[in-house]
C-alpha cells in the first residue's frame, strides 16, 4: 500500500522540505549579510548565535517531517559522553545529502553547531550555498592530478582554505565535520576505487590531518559517526521523500584525539606514513562496526 502511495507522498513531502529549507536559509542569509555590513565583534557573535539556532531549527523540523511521512525508526547509539561546551572533530561516512540534515539535528543540545567542509560547486545550490557561506563554512575546490600537473600553483589551495576556516573556529566551541571519503558512497565508486572496505570508500587523509594540525590542541574529542540506512541503501534521499524510509542508525563513537595524529603531514614523510596508518586502522574498525550494525 505504501509503495502505491509513494508518488503522492513525494509530491506533498518534497515541497514541505523545500519550504522548510528556504525559510530558515533566508533568515540565515539575511543575518549573514547583516554580519557583513556590521563587522562589530559583539554584533557578529550575537548574529552567529541566532544563525546557529536557525540552522538547528531547520534540522529539527526537517526530521519531524521525515518522521511524519515515513514509518521510520531513528536509532541513536552513543558510546561516550557529549557536551555543547567542547570542541569536536567529527568524521563520518557519506551516503546521501540526508546525512547533513541528520547531523544538524543530531547536534542540537548534544554538541556545538556543526561546520561542514563543502564542495565548491555547492555554493551555487539554492539556499544551501549562501546559507553555508553566511555560517562561515569552508568551500573546498578539488583539483585532479592532471590539472595540478598543468597548474602547479593551485596545489595546496584547499589546505589553505582549511587553515583560514579553522582559525575562525578557535573563539567558541565548534564541531568541525569532515566526510573523510571525499564523496558520497556508491557501489560504482566502491568498485572503481577498489576499496578494501566492505561499506566504505578509502579515507582521504590530507584535510583531516591539516585540521588536526591547526586545531588539534583545542579538540576535546574525535567523534567517529556512522550513518546507516539499512533498508534503503540504494537511494536514501528518494526513499525518504517518498515515505519508504524504515530505519536510520546513527552510531557515535567518542574517541580521544591521539597526540601522534598531530604533525606536518605535507613536509614530514615519516609522520605522513604514520598518520595514514592511524586513519586506515580507524577506518578498518569503522567498517567492522558498520558490519556488526547491519547484521540481521
Foldseek 3Di string as FASTA:
>chain_A
DLVVQLVVLLVPLVVVLVVLLVVLLVLLLVLLVVCVVDVDVVSVVVSLVVNLVSLLVSLVVNVVSLVVLAQADEAEAADDAFAQQAAEEEEEAAADPVVVSVVSNVCVRGYHGAAEAAAPVCLPPPSRNSSNVSNLHFHAYDDDPVVCVVVVVCPCPRLVSLLVSLVVCPPGHYYYYDHQLNDHDDVVVCVVQVAPFDGHRQGHQVSVLSSCQRCVVRGAWYKYKYKDQLVPRHHVVSCSSSRNGYYIYIYIDTGHDDPLSHDDLPPDPVSVVVNSVVVVVVVNVVSVVVVVVNDD
